[in-house]
């Protein structure tokens, strides 16, 4: 009887396990151009451990509650120095492995030229300072993965 109870606990713990596991979430800002523009590139790395069909429906900014466009790539071997990336359809993730979800936000500060909009004009942009939520489906079940924060990588100041 004890073996049956232990077996039941193991099976139930695996059946309720998270289908997608957050590996890391980073952001990097790139400042560039004569018309100062800041682009913040975000990358969410997730691990899919089961071979089942998952459909990523949307990526939502936690603060604004607005959906953001994104791309998904599969990383063939994340342990090598230059891994191979394959673009995949977000609505048809069937293989298990490591996937990266990338998206960005752009902030323009005005041209600085005489007679044009004033310099240092701050344009509202969808910053992900309070995190993001990935909404996905496994079969007919709707699920979500919360990304609470993004690790800040070194800012790049390009000419």
N, C-alpha and C. Protein backbone atom coordinates (compact mmCIF):
# COMPACT_ATOMS: atom_id res chain seq x y z
N UNK A 1 0.83 -1.20 0.00
CA UNK A 1 0.00 0.00 0.00
C UNK A 1 0.87 1.26 0.00
N UNK A 2 1.99 1.21 0.75
CA UNK A 2 2.88 2.37 0.79
C UNK A 2 3.46 2.65 -0.59
N UNK A 3 3.80 1.59 -1.31
CA UNK A 3 4.38 1.76 -2.64
C UNK A 3 3.38 2.40 -3.59
N UNK A 4 2.13 2.04 -3.48
CA UNK A 4 1.10 2.63 -4.33
C UNK A 4 0.94 4.11 -4.01
N UNK A 5 0.97 4.46 -2.73
CA UNK A 5 0.84 5.87 -2.32
C UNK A 5 2.03 6.68 -2.82
N UNK A 6 3.23 6.12 -2.72
CA UNK A 6 4.42 6.83 -3.20
C UNK A 6 4.36 6.99 -4.72
N UNK A 7 3.97 5.95 -5.41
CA UNK A 7 3.84 6.00 -6.87
C UNK A 7 2.81 7.05 -7.29
N UNK A 8 1.69 7.11 -6.57
CA UNK A 8 0.66 8.10 -6.86
C UNK A 8 1.20 9.52 -6.66
N UNK A 9 1.96 9.76 -5.59
CA UNK A 9 2.54 11.08 -5.35
C UNK A 9 3.53 11.46 -6.43
N UNK A 10 4.35 10.52 -6.87
CA UNK A 10 5.30 10.81 -7.94
C UNK A 10 4.60 11.15 -9.25
N UNK A 11 3.59 10.38 -9.60
CA UNK A 11 2.85 10.63 -10.84
C UNK A 11 2.13 11.97 -10.77
N UNK A 12 1.51 12.27 -9.65
CA UNK A 12 0.78 13.54 -9.55
C UNK A 12 1.72 14.73 -9.56
N UNK A 13 2.92 14.59 -8.99
CA UNK A 13 3.85 15.71 -9.01
C UNK A 13 4.35 15.98 -10.42
N UNK A 14 4.53 14.92 -11.23
CA UNK A 14 4.96 15.12 -12.61
C UNK A 14 3.84 15.66 -13.48
N UNK A 15 2.62 15.28 -13.22
CA UNK A 15 1.51 15.74 -14.06
C UNK A 15 1.19 17.21 -13.83
N UNK A 16 1.51 17.74 -12.66
CA UNK A 16 1.25 19.15 -12.39
C UNK A 16 2.50 20.01 -12.55
N UNK A 17 3.58 19.43 -13.03
CA UNK A 17 4.81 20.18 -13.22
C UNK A 17 4.63 21.23 -14.30
N UNK A 18 5.40 22.28 -14.20
CA UNK A 18 5.36 23.36 -15.17
C UNK A 18 5.84 22.84 -16.51
N UNK A 19 5.11 23.12 -17.58
CA UNK A 19 5.48 22.66 -18.92
C UNK A 19 6.67 23.45 -19.46
N UNK A 20 6.73 24.73 -19.14
CA UNK A 20 7.84 25.59 -19.53
C UNK A 20 8.53 26.07 -18.26
N UNK A 21 9.86 25.99 -18.24
CA UNK A 21 10.62 26.43 -17.08
C UNK A 21 11.53 27.57 -17.51
N UNK A 22 11.52 28.65 -16.74
CA UNK A 22 12.36 29.81 -17.03
C UNK A 22 13.81 29.47 -16.71
N UNK A 23 14.70 29.66 -17.70
CA UNK A 23 16.13 29.45 -17.49
C UNK A 23 16.77 30.78 -17.12
N UNK A 24 16.54 31.81 -17.96
CA UNK A 24 17.03 33.16 -17.66
C UNK A 24 16.27 34.18 -18.48
N UNK A 25 16.29 35.42 -18.00
CA UNK A 25 15.65 36.53 -18.71
C UNK A 25 16.60 37.72 -18.62
N UNK A 26 16.98 38.26 -19.79
CA UNK A 26 17.93 39.37 -19.82
C UNK A 26 17.40 40.51 -20.68
N UNK A 27 18.00 41.69 -20.46
CA UNK A 27 17.71 42.84 -21.31
C UNK A 27 19.01 43.61 -21.52
N UNK A 28 19.15 44.20 -22.72
CA UNK A 28 20.32 44.98 -23.04
C UNK A 28 19.89 46.20 -23.83
N UNK A 29 20.36 47.37 -23.40
CA UNK A 29 20.02 48.63 -24.05
C UNK A 29 21.14 49.03 -24.99
N UNK A 30 20.75 49.50 -26.19
CA UNK A 30 21.70 49.97 -27.19
C UNK A 30 21.30 51.40 -27.54
N UNK A 31 22.19 52.36 -27.26
CA UNK A 31 21.98 53.76 -27.60
C UNK A 31 22.75 54.05 -28.87
N UNK A 32 22.07 54.62 -29.88
CA UNK A 32 22.76 54.85 -31.15
C UNK A 32 22.13 55.95 -31.96
N UNK A 33 22.90 56.43 -32.95
CA UNK A 33 22.40 57.35 -33.96
C UNK A 33 22.55 58.80 -33.62
N UNK A 34 22.51 59.64 -34.68
CA UNK A 34 22.56 61.08 -34.52
C UNK A 34 21.29 61.58 -33.84
N UNK A 35 20.19 60.92 -34.16
CA UNK A 35 18.94 61.19 -33.47
C UNK A 35 18.88 60.15 -32.36
N UNK A 36 19.22 60.54 -31.15
CA UNK A 36 19.39 59.53 -30.10
C UNK A 36 18.21 58.57 -29.98
N UNK A 37 18.50 57.32 -30.19
CA UNK A 37 17.51 56.27 -30.09
C UNK A 37 18.03 55.21 -29.15
N UNK A 38 17.17 54.74 -28.28
CA UNK A 38 17.52 53.65 -27.38
C UNK A 38 16.64 52.45 -27.72
N UNK A 39 17.29 51.33 -27.96
CA UNK A 39 16.59 50.08 -28.20
C UNK A 39 16.93 49.14 -27.07
N UNK A 40 15.93 48.60 -26.43
CA UNK A 40 16.15 47.60 -25.40
C UNK A 40 15.72 46.26 -25.94
N UNK A 41 16.69 45.35 -26.03
CA UNK A 41 16.44 44.00 -26.52
C UNK A 41 16.25 43.07 -25.33
N UNK A 42 15.16 42.32 -25.35
CA UNK A 42 14.84 41.39 -24.27
C UNK A 42 14.99 39.96 -24.79
N UNK A 43 15.46 39.06 -23.92
CA UNK A 43 15.59 37.66 -24.27
C UNK A 43 15.14 36.82 -23.08
N UNK A 44 14.20 35.93 -23.34
CA UNK A 44 13.71 34.99 -22.32
C UNK A 44 14.10 33.59 -22.80
N UNK A 45 14.86 32.89 -21.97
CA UNK A 45 15.25 31.53 -22.32
C UNK A 45 14.44 30.57 -21.47
N UNK A 46 13.75 29.65 -22.13
CA UNK A 46 12.90 28.69 -21.43
C UNK A 46 13.30 27.27 -21.80
N UNK A 47 12.96 26.34 -20.92
CA UNK A 47 13.24 24.94 -21.17
C UNK A 47 11.92 24.19 -21.22
N UNK A 48 11.75 23.42 -22.28
CA UNK A 48 10.57 22.58 -22.44
C UNK A 48 11.04 21.14 -22.28
N UNK A 49 10.61 20.50 -21.20
CA UNK A 49 11.13 19.18 -20.88
C UNK A 49 10.27 18.03 -21.39
N UNK A 50 9.02 18.30 -21.76
CA UNK A 50 8.13 17.25 -22.27
C UNK A 50 7.98 17.37 -23.77
N UNK A 51 7.80 16.25 -24.43
CA UNK A 51 7.54 16.26 -25.87
C UNK A 51 6.03 16.28 -26.08
N UNK A 52 5.47 17.49 -26.05
CA UNK A 52 4.04 17.69 -26.27
C UNK A 52 3.88 18.98 -27.06
N UNK A 53 2.69 19.22 -27.58
CA UNK A 53 2.46 20.43 -28.37
C UNK A 53 2.09 21.59 -27.44
N UNK A 54 2.89 22.65 -27.52
CA UNK A 54 2.63 23.88 -26.77
C UNK A 54 2.49 25.00 -27.78
N UNK A 55 1.52 25.86 -27.53
CA UNK A 55 1.28 27.01 -28.39
C UNK A 55 1.43 28.28 -27.54
N UNK A 56 2.42 29.11 -27.88
CA UNK A 56 2.59 30.38 -27.16
C UNK A 56 1.67 31.39 -27.82
N UNK A 57 0.69 31.85 -27.05
CA UNK A 57 -0.33 32.75 -27.59
C UNK A 57 0.11 34.21 -27.58
N UNK A 58 0.68 34.65 -26.46
CA UNK A 58 1.05 36.06 -26.37
C UNK A 58 2.08 36.29 -25.28
N UNK A 59 2.73 37.44 -25.40
CA UNK A 59 3.68 37.91 -24.40
C UNK A 59 3.17 39.28 -23.98
N UNK A 60 2.84 39.43 -22.70
CA UNK A 60 2.17 40.63 -22.22
C UNK A 60 3.04 41.37 -21.22
N UNK A 61 3.11 42.70 -21.38
CA UNK A 61 3.80 43.56 -20.44
C UNK A 61 2.98 43.59 -19.15
N UNK A 62 3.59 43.26 -18.02
CA UNK A 62 2.87 43.21 -16.75
C UNK A 62 2.31 44.57 -16.34
N UNK A 63 3.05 45.64 -16.64
CA UNK A 63 2.63 46.99 -16.23
C UNK A 63 1.51 47.53 -17.11
N UNK A 64 1.67 47.47 -18.43
CA UNK A 64 0.68 48.06 -19.33
C UNK A 64 -0.43 47.11 -19.72
N UNK A 65 -0.23 45.80 -19.49
CA UNK A 65 -1.19 44.76 -19.87
C UNK A 65 -1.42 44.71 -21.37
N UNK A 66 -0.41 45.16 -22.16
CA UNK A 66 -0.51 45.12 -23.61
C UNK A 66 0.37 44.01 -24.15
N UNK A 67 -0.12 43.37 -25.21
CA UNK A 67 0.62 42.30 -25.86
C UNK A 67 1.74 42.89 -26.71
N UNK A 68 2.85 42.16 -26.81
CA UNK A 68 4.01 42.62 -27.54
C UNK A 68 4.40 41.57 -28.59
N UNK A 69 4.77 41.99 -29.81
CA UNK A 69 5.23 41.00 -30.79
C UNK A 69 6.54 40.36 -30.34
N UNK A 70 6.76 39.09 -30.71
CA UNK A 70 7.95 38.37 -30.27
C UNK A 70 8.34 37.33 -31.31
N UNK A 71 9.55 36.83 -31.20
CA UNK A 71 10.07 35.76 -32.06
C UNK A 71 10.52 34.61 -31.17
N UNK A 72 10.45 33.39 -31.70
CA UNK A 72 10.88 32.21 -30.95
C UNK A 72 11.89 31.44 -31.79
N UNK A 73 13.01 31.09 -31.16
CA UNK A 73 14.02 30.25 -31.81
C UNK A 73 14.35 29.08 -30.89
N UNK A 74 14.71 27.96 -31.50
CA UNK A 74 15.15 26.78 -30.75
C UNK A 74 16.67 26.78 -30.77
N UNK A 75 17.28 26.56 -29.60
CA UNK A 75 18.73 26.51 -29.48
C UNK A 75 19.12 25.04 -29.52
N UNK A 76 19.90 24.66 -30.55
CA UNK A 76 20.25 23.24 -30.71
C UNK A 76 21.11 22.71 -29.58
N UNK A 77 22.22 23.36 -29.28
CA UNK A 77 23.10 22.91 -28.21
C UNK A 77 23.58 24.13 -27.43
N UNK A 78 22.91 24.48 -26.33
CA UNK A 78 23.26 25.70 -25.61
C UNK A 78 24.62 25.65 -24.91
N UNK A 79 25.27 24.48 -24.86
CA UNK A 79 26.55 24.36 -24.17
C UNK A 79 27.73 24.79 -25.03
N UNK A 80 27.56 24.86 -26.36
CA UNK A 80 28.66 25.25 -27.23
C UNK A 80 28.77 26.77 -27.30
N UNK A 81 29.95 27.25 -27.72
CA UNK A 81 30.21 28.69 -27.77
C UNK A 81 29.32 29.42 -28.77
N UNK A 82 29.12 28.83 -29.94
CA UNK A 82 28.25 29.42 -30.98
C UNK A 82 27.15 28.41 -31.34
N UNK A 83 26.06 28.40 -30.58
CA UNK A 83 25.01 27.41 -30.85
C UNK A 83 24.26 27.72 -32.15
N UNK A 84 23.61 26.71 -32.68
CA UNK A 84 22.79 26.85 -33.87
C UNK A 84 21.37 27.22 -33.44
N UNK A 85 20.79 28.25 -34.08
CA UNK A 85 19.44 28.70 -33.76
C UNK A 85 18.52 28.37 -34.92
N UNK A 86 17.32 27.87 -34.62
CA UNK A 86 16.32 27.59 -35.64
C UNK A 86 15.05 28.35 -35.29
N UNK A 87 14.59 29.21 -36.21
CA UNK A 87 13.33 29.92 -35.98
C UNK A 87 12.19 28.91 -36.03
N UNK A 88 11.29 29.01 -35.05
CA UNK A 88 10.17 28.09 -34.97
C UNK A 88 8.86 28.87 -34.88
N UNK A 89 7.79 28.21 -35.24
CA UNK A 89 6.45 28.78 -35.14
C UNK A 89 6.01 28.69 -33.68
N UNK A 90 5.68 29.84 -33.08
CA UNK A 90 5.31 29.88 -31.67
C UNK A 90 4.04 29.09 -31.37
N UNK A 91 3.23 28.82 -32.38
CA UNK A 91 1.99 28.09 -32.15
C UNK A 91 2.17 26.57 -32.28
N UNK A 92 3.40 26.13 -32.60
CA UNK A 92 3.63 24.70 -32.81
C UNK A 92 4.94 24.23 -32.19
N UNK A 93 5.12 24.44 -30.90
CA UNK A 93 6.32 23.95 -30.22
C UNK A 93 6.07 22.50 -29.81
N UNK A 94 6.69 21.57 -30.51
CA UNK A 94 6.46 20.16 -30.20
C UNK A 94 7.69 19.49 -29.59
N UNK A 95 8.88 19.89 -30.03
CA UNK A 95 10.11 19.28 -29.52
C UNK A 95 10.41 19.75 -28.11
N UNK A 96 11.18 18.94 -27.37
CA UNK A 96 11.65 19.41 -26.08
C UNK A 96 13.03 20.02 -26.28
N UNK A 97 13.43 20.89 -25.37
CA UNK A 97 14.73 21.54 -25.48
C UNK A 97 14.70 22.96 -24.97
N UNK A 98 15.70 23.74 -25.37
CA UNK A 98 15.85 25.13 -24.95
C UNK A 98 15.33 26.04 -26.07
N UNK A 99 14.49 27.00 -25.70
CA UNK A 99 13.94 27.97 -26.64
C UNK A 99 14.22 29.37 -26.13
N UNK A 100 14.41 30.31 -27.07
CA UNK A 100 14.59 31.71 -26.71
C UNK A 100 13.47 32.53 -27.34
N UNK A 101 12.88 33.38 -26.51
CA UNK A 101 11.84 34.30 -26.96
C UNK A 101 12.48 35.68 -26.93
N UNK A 102 12.49 36.37 -28.07
CA UNK A 102 13.11 37.69 -28.15
C UNK A 102 12.10 38.74 -28.60
N UNK A 103 12.27 39.94 -28.06
CA UNK A 103 11.44 41.08 -28.44
C UNK A 103 12.19 42.34 -28.04
N UNK A 104 11.69 43.50 -28.46
CA UNK A 104 12.40 44.74 -28.14
C UNK A 104 11.43 45.90 -27.98
N UNK A 105 11.96 46.97 -27.40
CA UNK A 105 11.22 48.23 -27.31
C UNK A 105 12.17 49.35 -27.71
N UNK A 106 11.64 50.34 -28.43
CA UNK A 106 12.46 51.43 -28.96
C UNK A 106 11.99 52.75 -28.37
N UNK A 107 12.95 53.56 -27.97
CA UNK A 107 12.66 54.88 -27.40
C UNK A 107 13.42 55.92 -28.22
N UNK A 108 12.70 56.89 -28.82
CA UNK A 108 13.32 57.95 -29.61
C UNK A 108 13.28 59.23 -28.80
N UNK A 109 14.37 59.98 -28.81
CA UNK A 109 14.46 61.18 -27.99
C UNK A 109 14.41 62.48 -28.81
N UNK A 110 13.99 62.44 -30.06
CA UNK A 110 13.92 63.65 -30.89
C UNK A 110 15.18 63.80 -31.71
N UNK A 111 15.12 64.62 -32.76
CA UNK A 111 16.24 64.69 -33.70
C UNK A 111 17.35 65.62 -33.25
N UNK A 112 17.04 66.68 -32.52
CA UNK A 112 18.08 67.63 -32.11
C UNK A 112 18.42 68.63 -33.20
N UNK A 113 17.78 68.54 -34.37
CA UNK A 113 18.03 69.47 -35.45
C UNK A 113 17.17 70.72 -35.25
N UNK A 114 17.69 71.90 -35.68
CA UNK A 114 16.89 73.13 -35.57
C UNK A 114 15.58 73.02 -36.36
N UNK A 115 14.50 73.46 -35.77
CA UNK A 115 13.20 73.46 -36.43
C UNK A 115 12.49 72.12 -36.38
N UNK A 116 13.03 71.16 -35.69
CA UNK A 116 12.39 69.85 -35.57
C UNK A 116 12.00 69.65 -34.11
N UNK A 117 11.29 68.58 -33.82
CA UNK A 117 10.87 68.38 -32.42
C UNK A 117 12.04 68.53 -31.45
N UNK A 118 11.75 69.05 -30.28
CA UNK A 118 12.83 69.37 -29.33
C UNK A 118 13.67 68.15 -28.95
N UNK A 119 14.95 68.45 -28.71
CA UNK A 119 15.87 67.42 -28.28
C UNK A 119 15.46 66.94 -26.88
N UNK A 120 15.80 65.74 -26.56
CA UNK A 120 15.48 65.11 -25.27
C UNK A 120 13.98 64.92 -25.07
N UNK A 121 13.22 64.93 -26.17
CA UNK A 121 11.81 64.64 -26.10
C UNK A 121 11.66 63.15 -25.77
N UNK A 122 11.03 62.85 -24.68
CA UNK A 122 10.87 61.46 -24.27
C UNK A 122 9.55 60.92 -24.83
N UNK A 123 9.64 59.88 -25.58
CA UNK A 123 8.48 59.24 -26.17
C UNK A 123 8.11 58.05 -25.29
N UNK A 124 6.83 57.92 -24.90
CA UNK A 124 6.46 56.78 -24.08
C UNK A 124 6.74 55.46 -24.79
N UNK A 125 7.27 54.53 -24.04
CA UNK A 125 7.64 53.25 -24.62
C UNK A 125 7.26 52.15 -23.63
N UNK A 126 7.01 50.98 -24.15
CA UNK A 126 6.58 49.85 -23.31
C UNK A 126 7.78 49.20 -22.64
N UNK A 127 8.26 49.78 -21.55
CA UNK A 127 9.34 49.17 -20.78
C UNK A 127 8.76 47.99 -20.00
N UNK A 128 9.56 47.00 -19.79
CA UNK A 128 9.13 45.81 -19.07
C UNK A 128 9.76 45.80 -17.67
N UNK A 129 9.69 46.95 -16.98
CA UNK A 129 10.31 47.08 -15.67
C UNK A 129 9.65 46.21 -14.61
N UNK A 130 8.39 45.89 -14.79
CA UNK A 130 7.68 45.06 -13.81
C UNK A 130 7.50 43.63 -14.31
N UNK A 131 8.21 43.29 -15.38
CA UNK A 131 8.18 41.91 -15.86
C UNK A 131 7.23 41.69 -17.02
N UNK A 132 7.06 40.41 -17.35
CA UNK A 132 6.22 40.01 -18.47
C UNK A 132 5.53 38.69 -18.13
N UNK A 133 4.48 38.40 -18.87
CA UNK A 133 3.76 37.14 -18.71
C UNK A 133 3.66 36.48 -20.09
N UNK A 134 4.05 35.22 -20.15
CA UNK A 134 3.90 34.44 -21.38
C UNK A 134 2.64 33.59 -21.22
N UNK A 135 1.67 33.80 -22.09
CA UNK A 135 0.45 33.00 -22.08
C UNK A 135 0.60 31.91 -23.13
N UNK A 136 0.36 30.67 -22.73
CA UNK A 136 0.49 29.55 -23.66
C UNK A 136 -0.56 28.50 -23.38
N UNK A 137 -0.70 27.56 -24.34
CA UNK A 137 -1.67 26.48 -24.21
C UNK A 137 -0.98 25.14 -24.37
N UNK A 138 -1.38 24.20 -23.54
CA UNK A 138 -0.97 22.81 -23.66
C UNK A 138 -2.26 22.05 -23.89
N UNK A 139 -2.48 21.60 -25.12
CA UNK A 139 -3.77 21.02 -25.47
C UNK A 139 -4.81 22.11 -25.40
N UNK A 140 -5.82 21.92 -24.56
CA UNK A 140 -6.86 22.94 -24.39
C UNK A 140 -6.69 23.74 -23.11
N UNK A 141 -5.68 23.38 -22.30
CA UNK A 141 -5.45 24.08 -21.03
C UNK A 141 -4.65 25.36 -21.27
N UNK A 142 -5.16 26.47 -20.75
CA UNK A 142 -4.46 27.74 -20.84
C UNK A 142 -3.57 27.89 -19.61
N UNK A 143 -2.32 28.27 -19.84
CA UNK A 143 -1.36 28.43 -18.75
C UNK A 143 -0.59 29.71 -18.94
N UNK A 144 0.19 30.07 -17.91
CA UNK A 144 1.01 31.27 -18.00
C UNK A 144 2.34 31.06 -17.28
N UNK A 145 3.36 31.77 -17.76
CA UNK A 145 4.68 31.77 -17.15
C UNK A 145 5.02 33.21 -16.83
N UNK A 146 5.25 33.51 -15.57
CA UNK A 146 5.54 34.87 -15.13
C UNK A 146 7.04 35.10 -15.11
N UNK A 147 7.47 36.18 -15.75
CA UNK A 147 8.86 36.62 -15.68
C UNK A 147 8.84 37.88 -14.82
N UNK A 148 9.35 37.75 -13.60
CA UNK A 148 9.26 38.86 -12.64
C UNK A 148 10.21 40.00 -12.95
N UNK A 149 11.41 39.67 -13.44
CA UNK A 149 12.38 40.72 -13.74
C UNK A 149 13.37 40.23 -14.80
N UNK A 150 14.08 41.18 -15.38
CA UNK A 150 15.08 40.89 -16.40
C UNK A 150 16.45 41.33 -15.89
N UNK A 151 17.44 40.48 -16.06
CA UNK A 151 18.81 40.81 -15.67
C UNK A 151 19.34 41.83 -16.67
N UNK A 152 19.87 42.95 -16.16
CA UNK A 152 20.38 44.02 -17.01
C UNK A 152 21.80 43.67 -17.47
N UNK A 153 22.00 43.60 -18.79
CA UNK A 153 23.33 43.39 -19.35
C UNK A 153 23.96 44.76 -19.62
N UNK A 154 25.25 44.78 -19.94
CA UNK A 154 25.97 46.03 -20.15
C UNK A 154 25.34 46.83 -21.30
N UNK A 155 25.15 48.14 -21.08
CA UNK A 155 24.60 49.03 -22.10
C UNK A 155 25.65 49.29 -23.18
N UNK A 156 25.21 49.29 -24.44
CA UNK A 156 26.09 49.55 -25.57
C UNK A 156 25.79 50.95 -26.09
N UNK A 157 26.83 51.81 -26.15
CA UNK A 157 26.68 53.16 -26.70
C UNK A 157 27.38 53.17 -28.05
N UNK A 158 26.60 53.09 -29.12
CA UNK A 158 27.14 53.06 -30.48
C UNK A 158 27.11 54.47 -31.07
N UNK A 159 27.99 54.75 -32.04
CA UNK A 159 27.99 56.09 -32.65
C UNK A 159 26.75 56.37 -33.45
